[in-house]
Every structure is written in structure tokens, then in C-alpha cells.
Amino acid sequence: MTRLIRRRVPDHLSCRQVAKVLQTHLDGELDDETASAVAEHLEMCRRCGLEAATYIELKEALARRAAPVPTASLERLRSFVAELDAHGAE
């Protein structure tokens, strides 16, 4: 069962805000307003767009199970998480 997560959405989301809900967005579990704001951010922000692409690639690789997850994708994801962690909460 899919549950929609509803949040109050500001006009523009920060990278940190998008990172917090990215997985939920990719799983289709956000309300329409939040999903729209995240999608808009992903279109405008190259860095977050690449991270979304990485998550999608990882998810597809895991779904195939036969293909290993590309090392470059894992490293890019780890680097993104470490960078967000280093900058603290926005």
C-alpha cells in the first residue's frame, strides 16, 4: 500500500530539503504539491538531478540483481551524502 506523505512546501526547496525527500519522491509517495516542487528543483539543480539519476540507476541495478551497482555511482552518492552532512542543516 502506497501512502502519500504531505508536507508544507516552501516556494523553493533547498538541496538539503530535496535530499531528505528524494527517495520518497522517486518511490512516488509524496503529495502532488511536494512532488512538483522536488521535480522543479531537480530540473534546475544539476547536482541534485545527478543524484536523482544515481538513485534511479541504483534502484534499477538492484531490481535486475544480476548487474552489479556501478562503483562510480556508489562513490558519487557517498560523496553527496558526506557533503550534505558537512554543511549541516539549512
N, C-alpha and C. Protein backbone atom coordinates (compact mmCIF):
# COMPACT_ATOMS: atom_id res chain seq x y z
N MET A 1 0.84 -1.18 0.00
CA MET A 1 0.00 0.00 0.00
C MET A 1 0.89 1.24 0.00
N THR A 2 0.62 2.16 -0.91
CA THR A 2 1.38 3.39 -1.01
C THR A 2 0.72 4.45 -0.16
N ARG A 3 1.52 5.12 0.64
CA ARG A 3 0.97 6.21 1.45
C ARG A 3 1.60 7.50 0.97
N LEU A 4 0.79 8.52 0.89
CA LEU A 4 1.29 9.82 0.47
C LEU A 4 1.77 10.59 1.69
N ILE A 5 2.91 11.19 1.56
CA ILE A 5 3.46 11.99 2.64
C ILE A 5 3.18 13.45 2.32
N ARG A 6 2.48 14.13 3.19
CA ARG A 6 2.12 15.53 2.97
C ARG A 6 3.00 16.42 3.85
N ARG A 7 3.53 17.44 3.23
CA ARG A 7 4.38 18.40 3.93
C ARG A 7 4.00 19.79 3.47
N ARG A 8 4.26 20.77 4.32
CA ARG A 8 4.10 22.16 3.89
C ARG A 8 5.29 22.48 3.00
N VAL A 9 5.03 22.95 1.81
CA VAL A 9 6.09 23.13 0.82
C VAL A 9 6.39 24.61 0.62
N PRO A 10 7.65 25.03 0.85
CA PRO A 10 8.01 26.42 0.56
C PRO A 10 8.07 26.63 -0.96
N ASP A 11 8.15 27.90 -1.39
CA ASP A 11 8.19 28.19 -2.82
C ASP A 11 9.36 27.50 -3.52
N HIS A 12 10.53 27.52 -2.90
CA HIS A 12 11.72 26.91 -3.49
C HIS A 12 12.36 26.00 -2.45
N LEU A 13 12.69 24.80 -2.86
CA LEU A 13 13.33 23.85 -1.95
C LEU A 13 14.84 23.97 -2.05
N SER A 14 15.51 23.80 -0.93
CA SER A 14 16.98 23.76 -0.92
C SER A 14 17.44 22.36 -1.27
N CYS A 15 18.70 22.24 -1.58
CA CYS A 15 19.28 20.92 -1.87
C CYS A 15 19.09 19.98 -0.68
N ARG A 16 19.26 20.50 0.50
CA ARG A 16 19.13 19.69 1.71
C ARG A 16 17.69 19.19 1.86
N GLN A 17 16.72 20.07 1.62
CA GLN A 17 15.32 19.66 1.71
C GLN A 17 15.00 18.58 0.68
N VAL A 18 15.52 18.74 -0.52
CA VAL A 18 15.29 17.74 -1.57
C VAL A 18 15.94 16.42 -1.19
N ALA A 19 17.15 16.48 -0.65
CA ALA A 19 17.86 15.25 -0.26
C ALA A 19 17.05 14.45 0.77
N LYS A 20 16.37 15.16 1.65
CA LYS A 20 15.59 14.49 2.70
C LYS A 20 14.40 13.71 2.14
N VAL A 21 13.86 14.15 1.01
CA VAL A 21 12.65 13.50 0.46
C VAL A 21 12.88 12.85 -0.90
N LEU A 22 14.11 12.84 -1.36
CA LEU A 22 14.38 12.34 -2.71
C LEU A 22 13.93 10.90 -2.90
N GLN A 23 14.28 10.03 -1.99
CA GLN A 23 13.90 8.62 -2.11
C GLN A 23 12.38 8.48 -2.13
N THR A 24 11.72 9.21 -1.25
CA THR A 24 10.27 9.17 -1.18
C THR A 24 9.67 9.67 -2.49
N HIS A 25 10.26 10.72 -3.05
CA HIS A 25 9.81 11.26 -4.34
C HIS A 25 9.95 10.21 -5.44
N LEU A 26 11.11 9.57 -5.50
CA LEU A 26 11.35 8.57 -6.54
C LEU A 26 10.44 7.36 -6.39
N ASP A 27 9.99 7.11 -5.17
CA ASP A 27 9.07 6.00 -4.92
C ASP A 27 7.62 6.39 -5.18
N GLY A 28 7.39 7.68 -5.53
CA GLY A 28 6.05 8.14 -5.83
C GLY A 28 5.16 8.29 -4.61
N GLU A 29 5.76 8.56 -3.45
CA GLU A 29 5.00 8.61 -2.21
C GLU A 29 4.80 10.02 -1.65
N LEU A 30 5.09 11.04 -2.44
CA LEU A 30 4.87 12.42 -1.99
C LEU A 30 3.54 12.94 -2.51
N ASP A 31 2.97 13.90 -1.79
CA ASP A 31 1.76 14.55 -2.29
C ASP A 31 2.13 15.34 -3.55
N ASP A 32 1.14 15.70 -4.33
CA ASP A 32 1.37 16.36 -5.62
C ASP A 32 2.15 17.66 -5.50
N GLU A 33 1.82 18.47 -4.51
CA GLU A 33 2.49 19.77 -4.34
C GLU A 33 3.98 19.60 -4.05
N THR A 34 4.31 18.69 -3.14
CA THR A 34 5.72 18.45 -2.80
C THR A 34 6.44 17.81 -3.97
N ALA A 35 5.81 16.85 -4.62
CA ALA A 35 6.43 16.18 -5.77
C ALA A 35 6.74 17.18 -6.87
N SER A 36 5.83 18.11 -7.09
CA SER A 36 6.04 19.14 -8.10
C SER A 36 7.22 20.04 -7.74
N ALA A 37 7.31 20.42 -6.47
CA ALA A 37 8.43 21.28 -6.02
C ALA A 37 9.76 20.54 -6.13
N VAL A 38 9.77 19.26 -5.79
CA VAL A 38 11.00 18.46 -5.90
C VAL A 38 11.39 18.32 -7.37
N ALA A 39 10.42 18.01 -8.23
CA ALA A 39 10.70 17.85 -9.66
C ALA A 39 11.26 19.16 -10.25
N GLU A 40 10.69 20.28 -9.83
CA GLU A 40 11.18 21.58 -10.31
C GLU A 40 12.63 21.80 -9.86
N HIS A 41 12.93 21.47 -8.61
CA HIS A 41 14.30 21.61 -8.11
C HIS A 41 15.25 20.71 -8.89
N LEU A 42 14.84 19.48 -9.15
CA LEU A 42 15.71 18.54 -9.86
C LEU A 42 16.00 19.01 -11.28
N GLU A 43 15.04 19.70 -11.89
CA GLU A 43 15.26 20.25 -13.23
C GLU A 43 16.23 21.42 -13.21
N MET A 44 16.20 22.20 -12.15
CA MET A 44 17.01 23.42 -12.07
C MET A 44 18.40 23.18 -11.48
N CYS A 45 18.53 22.15 -10.65
CA CYS A 45 19.79 21.91 -9.92
C CYS A 45 20.50 20.70 -10.51
N ARG A 46 21.60 20.95 -11.18
CA ARG A 46 22.35 19.86 -11.83
C ARG A 46 22.81 18.82 -10.82
N ARG A 47 23.32 19.27 -9.69
CA ARG A 47 23.84 18.36 -8.67
C ARG A 47 22.76 17.42 -8.16
N CYS A 48 21.62 17.96 -7.79
CA CYS A 48 20.54 17.12 -7.28
C CYS A 48 19.95 16.25 -8.38
N GLY A 49 19.91 16.79 -9.60
CA GLY A 49 19.43 15.99 -10.73
C GLY A 49 20.31 14.78 -10.96
N LEU A 50 21.63 14.97 -10.84
CA LEU A 50 22.55 13.84 -10.98
C LEU A 50 22.37 12.83 -9.86
N GLU A 51 22.11 13.32 -8.66
CA GLU A 51 21.88 12.40 -7.54
C GLU A 51 20.60 11.59 -7.75
N ALA A 52 19.57 12.25 -8.27
CA ALA A 52 18.33 11.53 -8.56
C ALA A 52 18.60 10.44 -9.61
N ALA A 53 19.38 10.79 -10.62
CA ALA A 53 19.73 9.82 -11.66
C ALA A 53 20.52 8.66 -11.06
N THR A 54 21.39 8.97 -10.11
CA THR A 54 22.17 7.92 -9.44
C THR A 54 21.26 6.99 -8.66
N TYR A 55 20.33 7.56 -7.90
CA TYR A 55 19.39 6.73 -7.14
C TYR A 55 18.59 5.83 -8.09
N ILE A 56 18.14 6.40 -9.20
CA ILE A 56 17.37 5.62 -10.17
C ILE A 56 18.22 4.48 -10.73
N GLU A 57 19.47 4.79 -11.06
CA GLU A 57 20.38 3.77 -11.57
C GLU A 57 20.61 2.66 -10.55
N LEU A 58 20.81 3.04 -9.29
CA LEU A 58 21.00 2.05 -8.23
C LEU A 58 19.75 1.19 -8.06
N LYS A 59 18.61 1.84 -8.06
CA LYS A 59 17.35 1.13 -7.89
C LYS A 59 17.13 0.13 -9.03
N GLU A 60 17.42 0.55 -10.26
CA GLU A 60 17.28 -0.35 -11.40
C GLU A 60 18.27 -1.50 -11.34
N ALA A 61 19.50 -1.21 -10.91
CA ALA A 61 20.50 -2.27 -10.79
C ALA A 61 20.10 -3.29 -9.73
N LEU A 62 19.57 -2.79 -8.63
CA LEU A 62 19.11 -3.71 -7.58
C LEU A 62 17.92 -4.53 -8.06
N ALA A 63 17.06 -3.92 -8.85
CA ALA A 63 15.91 -4.64 -9.38
C ALA A 63 16.34 -5.76 -10.33
N ARG A 64 17.39 -5.49 -11.09
CA ARG A 64 17.91 -6.51 -12.01
C ARG A 64 18.66 -7.60 -11.26
N ARG A 65 19.26 -7.26 -10.15
CA ARG A 65 20.03 -8.15 -9.28
C ARG A 65 21.19 -8.84 -9.97
N ALA A 66 21.15 -9.02 -11.24
CA ALA A 66 22.24 -9.69 -11.94
C ALA A 66 23.38 -8.72 -12.21
N ALA A 67 23.06 -7.46 -12.39
CA ALA A 67 24.09 -6.46 -12.72
C ALA A 67 24.60 -5.80 -11.44
N PRO A 68 25.91 -5.70 -11.29
CA PRO A 68 26.44 -5.03 -10.10
C PRO A 68 26.19 -3.53 -10.19
N VAL A 69 26.09 -2.88 -9.03
CA VAL A 69 25.93 -1.43 -8.97
C VAL A 69 27.25 -0.80 -9.36
N PRO A 70 27.24 0.15 -10.30
CA PRO A 70 28.48 0.78 -10.75
C PRO A 70 29.20 1.48 -9.58
N THR A 71 30.49 1.23 -9.47
CA THR A 71 31.30 1.82 -8.40
C THR A 71 31.26 3.34 -8.44
N ALA A 72 31.30 3.92 -9.63
CA ALA A 72 31.27 5.38 -9.76
C ALA A 72 29.96 5.95 -9.18
N SER A 73 28.86 5.25 -9.37
CA SER A 73 27.57 5.70 -8.83
C SER A 73 27.57 5.67 -7.31
N LEU A 74 28.10 4.60 -6.75
CA LEU A 74 28.17 4.49 -5.30
C LEU A 74 29.06 5.58 -4.71
N GLU A 75 30.19 5.83 -5.34
CA GLU A 75 31.10 6.87 -4.84
C GLU A 75 30.48 8.25 -4.94
N ARG A 76 29.79 8.53 -6.04
CA ARG A 76 29.13 9.83 -6.22
C ARG A 76 28.06 10.02 -5.14
N LEU A 77 27.32 8.98 -4.84
CA LEU A 77 26.29 9.03 -3.82
C LEU A 77 26.89 9.24 -2.44
N ARG A 78 27.95 8.51 -2.13
CA ARG A 78 28.62 8.68 -0.83
C ARG A 78 29.17 10.09 -0.67
N SER A 79 29.74 10.63 -1.73
CA SER A 79 30.30 11.97 -1.72
C SER A 79 29.20 13.01 -1.48
N PHE A 80 28.07 12.84 -2.14
CA PHE A 80 26.93 13.75 -1.98
C PHE A 80 26.44 13.75 -0.54
N VAL A 81 26.28 12.58 0.05
CA VAL A 81 25.81 12.46 1.43
C VAL A 81 26.82 13.09 2.38
N ALA A 82 28.10 12.84 2.17
CA ALA A 82 29.14 13.41 3.03
C ALA A 82 29.15 14.93 2.94
N GLU A 83 28.96 15.46 1.74
CA GLU A 83 28.93 16.91 1.55
C GLU A 83 27.74 17.53 2.27
N LEU A 84 26.57 16.90 2.15
CA LEU A 84 25.40 17.40 2.86
C LEU A 84 25.62 17.36 4.36
N ASP A 85 26.20 16.29 4.82
CA ASP A 85 26.49 16.12 6.24
C ASP A 85 27.44 17.22 6.74
N ALA A 86 28.46 17.52 5.95
CA ALA A 86 29.46 18.51 6.34
C ALA A 86 28.88 19.91 6.44
N HIS A 87 27.85 20.21 5.65
CA HIS A 87 27.27 21.55 5.64
C HIS A 87 26.21 21.73 6.73
N GLY A 88 25.81 20.67 7.40
CA GLY A 88 24.83 20.78 8.46
C GLY A 88 23.45 21.12 7.94
N ALA A 89 22.53 21.30 8.84
CA ALA A 89 21.15 21.61 8.47
C ALA A 89 21.04 23.02 7.92
N GLU A 90 20.22 23.17 6.89
CA GLU A 90 19.97 24.51 6.31
C GLU A 90 18.67 25.03 6.83
